[in-house]
Amino acid sequence: MSIEEASTSSRPAWFTSSYSNGAGGECVECGLMEHGAVVRDSKLSGGPEVVVGSRAWRAFVAALAQGHPAH
């Protein structure tokens, strides 16, 4: 595997939340990684990313599924 292939394969496959509005206003993208997830603004795909560990990501998703996001 070349260096470029290694760096590309470590990048997540990004997906957009089904709750993001299609008008381009409130859109976030998430990408799952081996040890957690990354979140970014879909309008700034080259911008900063928030890295979230596996435990915190699971807790966040569970809270959303129960209808009350964690603060």
N, C-alpha and C. Protein backbone atom coordinates (compact mmCIF):
# COMPACT_ATOMS: atom_id res chain seq x y z
N MET A 1 0.85 -1.18 0.00
CA MET A 1 0.00 0.00 0.00
C MET A 1 0.89 1.24 0.00
N SER A 2 0.60 2.18 -0.86
CA SER A 2 1.39 3.41 -0.90
C SER A 2 1.01 4.34 0.24
N ILE A 3 1.84 5.35 0.47
CA ILE A 3 1.56 6.32 1.53
C ILE A 3 0.25 7.04 1.26
N GLU A 4 0.00 7.43 0.01
CA GLU A 4 -1.24 8.13 -0.31
C GLU A 4 -2.46 7.24 -0.07
N GLU A 5 -2.36 5.96 -0.43
CA GLU A 5 -3.47 5.05 -0.18
C GLU A 5 -3.72 4.89 1.31
N ALA A 6 -2.67 4.84 2.09
CA ALA A 6 -2.83 4.69 3.54
C ALA A 6 -3.52 5.89 4.13
N SER A 7 -3.14 7.10 3.71
CA SER A 7 -3.76 8.29 4.28
C SER A 7 -5.21 8.42 3.83
N THR A 8 -5.52 8.02 2.61
CA THR A 8 -6.89 8.10 2.12
C THR A 8 -7.77 7.07 2.80
N SER A 9 -7.26 5.88 3.01
CA SER A 9 -8.08 4.83 3.60
C SER A 9 -8.39 5.09 5.07
N SER A 10 -7.65 5.99 5.72
CA SER A 10 -7.92 6.29 7.12
C SER A 10 -8.99 7.37 7.27
N ARG A 11 -9.47 7.91 6.16
CA ARG A 11 -10.50 8.95 6.20
C ARG A 11 -11.88 8.29 6.25
N PRO A 12 -12.80 8.90 6.97
CA PRO A 12 -14.14 8.29 7.08
C PRO A 12 -14.97 8.49 5.82
N ALA A 13 -15.97 7.67 5.67
CA ALA A 13 -17.00 7.89 4.65
C ALA A 13 -18.03 8.80 5.31
N TRP A 14 -18.16 10.01 4.81
CA TRP A 14 -19.03 11.01 5.41
C TRP A 14 -20.49 10.75 5.06
N PHE A 15 -21.39 11.02 6.00
CA PHE A 15 -22.83 10.96 5.73
C PHE A 15 -23.50 12.15 6.40
N THR A 16 -24.61 12.58 5.84
CA THR A 16 -25.35 13.73 6.35
C THR A 16 -26.55 13.24 7.16
N SER A 17 -26.80 13.89 8.25
CA SER A 17 -27.93 13.54 9.11
C SER A 17 -29.25 13.65 8.34
N SER A 18 -30.16 12.73 8.61
CA SER A 18 -31.48 12.79 7.99
C SER A 18 -32.28 13.97 8.54
N TYR A 19 -31.82 14.56 9.64
CA TYR A 19 -32.49 15.72 10.22
C TYR A 19 -31.95 17.04 9.67
N SER A 20 -30.90 17.00 8.88
CA SER A 20 -30.37 18.23 8.28
C SER A 20 -31.37 18.73 7.25
N ASN A 21 -31.58 20.05 7.24
CA ASN A 21 -32.52 20.56 6.24
C ASN A 21 -31.83 20.63 4.89
N GLY A 22 -32.55 20.38 3.85
CA GLY A 22 -31.97 20.35 2.51
C GLY A 22 -31.68 21.72 1.94
N ALA A 23 -32.04 22.78 2.65
CA ALA A 23 -31.85 24.13 2.15
C ALA A 23 -30.43 24.64 2.36
N GLY A 24 -29.58 23.84 2.98
CA GLY A 24 -28.20 24.24 3.18
C GLY A 24 -27.97 25.08 4.42
N GLY A 25 -28.92 25.11 5.33
CA GLY A 25 -28.78 25.94 6.52
C GLY A 25 -28.18 25.23 7.71
N GLU A 26 -28.74 24.11 8.07
CA GLU A 26 -28.33 23.42 9.29
C GLU A 26 -27.87 22.00 8.97
N CYS A 27 -26.74 21.88 8.33
CA CYS A 27 -26.28 20.56 7.90
C CYS A 27 -24.95 20.20 8.54
N VAL A 28 -24.93 19.05 9.16
CA VAL A 28 -23.69 18.51 9.67
C VAL A 28 -23.46 17.17 9.00
N GLU A 29 -22.20 16.81 8.89
CA GLU A 29 -21.83 15.51 8.36
C GLU A 29 -21.07 14.78 9.45
N CYS A 30 -21.25 13.48 9.48
CA CYS A 30 -20.55 12.64 10.44
C CYS A 30 -19.79 11.57 9.67
N GLY A 31 -18.70 11.15 10.25
CA GLY A 31 -17.92 10.07 9.68
C GLY A 31 -17.48 9.15 10.80
N LEU A 32 -17.71 7.87 10.64
CA LEU A 32 -17.33 6.90 11.67
C LEU A 32 -15.90 6.46 11.45
N MET A 33 -15.16 6.38 12.53
CA MET A 33 -13.76 5.96 12.51
C MET A 33 -13.64 4.75 13.45
N GLU A 34 -12.51 4.12 13.43
CA GLU A 34 -12.29 2.94 14.27
C GLU A 34 -12.46 3.25 15.76
N HIS A 35 -12.03 4.42 16.19
CA HIS A 35 -12.06 4.76 17.61
C HIS A 35 -13.02 5.90 17.93
N GLY A 36 -14.06 6.08 17.12
CA GLY A 36 -15.03 7.13 17.40
C GLY A 36 -15.64 7.69 16.13
N ALA A 37 -15.88 8.99 16.15
CA ALA A 37 -16.51 9.66 15.02
C ALA A 37 -15.94 11.05 14.85
N VAL A 38 -16.13 11.60 13.68
CA VAL A 38 -15.77 12.99 13.41
C VAL A 38 -17.01 13.70 12.88
N VAL A 39 -17.14 14.97 13.21
CA VAL A 39 -18.29 15.77 12.81
C VAL A 39 -17.77 17.06 12.18
N ARG A 40 -18.44 17.51 11.12
CA ARG A 40 -18.04 18.76 10.48
C ARG A 40 -19.27 19.43 9.87
N ASP A 41 -19.11 20.69 9.52
CA ASP A 41 -20.13 21.45 8.81
C ASP A 41 -20.10 21.02 7.35
N SER A 42 -21.22 20.60 6.81
CA SER A 42 -21.24 20.10 5.43
C SER A 42 -20.92 21.18 4.41
N LYS A 43 -21.11 22.44 4.77
CA LYS A 43 -20.79 23.53 3.84
C LYS A 43 -19.31 23.85 3.82
N LEU A 44 -18.57 23.36 4.82
CA LEU A 44 -17.13 23.62 4.93
C LEU A 44 -16.38 22.30 4.99
N SER A 45 -16.50 21.50 3.95
CA SER A 45 -15.93 20.15 3.98
C SER A 45 -14.42 20.14 4.20
N GLY A 46 -13.75 21.22 3.89
CA GLY A 46 -12.31 21.31 4.13
C GLY A 46 -11.99 22.00 5.44
N GLY A 47 -13.01 22.35 6.19
CA GLY A 47 -12.83 23.09 7.44
C GLY A 47 -12.53 22.18 8.62
N PRO A 48 -12.65 22.72 9.82
CA PRO A 48 -12.33 21.96 11.02
C PRO A 48 -13.30 20.80 11.25
N GLU A 49 -12.80 19.79 11.93
CA GLU A 49 -13.59 18.61 12.28
C GLU A 49 -13.52 18.41 13.78
N VAL A 50 -14.63 18.01 14.37
CA VAL A 50 -14.67 17.70 15.80
C VAL A 50 -14.53 16.19 15.92
N VAL A 51 -13.54 15.75 16.69
CA VAL A 51 -13.30 14.32 16.90
C VAL A 51 -13.94 13.92 18.22
N VAL A 52 -14.72 12.84 18.19
CA VAL A 52 -15.44 12.36 19.37
C VAL A 52 -15.07 10.90 19.60
N GLY A 53 -14.68 10.56 20.81
CA GLY A 53 -14.31 9.19 21.14
C GLY A 53 -15.50 8.24 21.08
N SER A 54 -15.23 6.94 20.98
CA SER A 54 -16.28 5.92 20.84
C SER A 54 -17.30 5.96 21.96
N ARG A 55 -16.84 6.03 23.19
CA ARG A 55 -17.76 6.01 24.34
C ARG A 55 -18.69 7.23 24.30
N ALA A 56 -18.13 8.41 24.07
CA ALA A 56 -18.93 9.63 24.02
C ALA A 56 -19.90 9.60 22.84
N TRP A 57 -19.46 9.10 21.70
CA TRP A 57 -20.33 9.03 20.52
C TRP A 57 -21.51 8.11 20.77
N ARG A 58 -21.25 6.94 21.37
CA ARG A 58 -22.34 6.00 21.68
C ARG A 58 -23.34 6.63 22.64
N ALA A 59 -22.85 7.34 23.66
CA ALA A 59 -23.74 7.99 24.63
C ALA A 59 -24.57 9.08 23.94
N PHE A 60 -23.95 9.84 23.06
CA PHE A 60 -24.65 10.89 22.33
C PHE A 60 -25.77 10.31 21.46
N VAL A 61 -25.45 9.27 20.68
CA VAL A 61 -26.44 8.65 19.80
C VAL A 61 -27.57 8.02 20.62
N ALA A 62 -27.24 7.38 21.74
CA ALA A 62 -28.27 6.78 22.59
C ALA A 62 -29.20 7.85 23.16
N ALA A 63 -28.65 8.99 23.57
CA ALA A 63 -29.47 10.08 24.10
C ALA A 63 -30.40 10.63 23.01
N LEU A 64 -29.88 10.77 21.80
CA LEU A 64 -30.73 11.24 20.70
C LEU A 64 -31.86 10.26 20.41
N ALA A 65 -31.55 8.97 20.45
CA ALA A 65 -32.55 7.95 20.18
C ALA A 65 -33.66 7.96 21.23
N GLN A 66 -33.32 8.38 22.44
CA GLN A 66 -34.31 8.46 23.52
C GLN A 66 -35.05 9.79 23.53
N GLY A 67 -34.68 10.68 22.62
CA GLY A 67 -35.38 11.94 22.50
C GLY A 67 -34.87 13.07 23.36
N HIS A 68 -33.74 12.88 24.01
CA HIS A 68 -33.18 13.96 24.83
C HIS A 68 -31.66 13.99 24.69
N PRO A 69 -31.17 14.91 23.85
CA PRO A 69 -29.71 14.99 23.67
C PRO A 69 -29.00 15.38 24.96
N ALA A 70 -27.84 14.81 25.15
CA ALA A 70 -27.02 15.13 26.33
C ALA A 70 -26.48 16.55 26.19
N HIS A 71 -26.33 17.21 27.31
CA HIS A 71 -25.78 18.59 27.30
C HIS A 71 -24.32 18.57 27.61
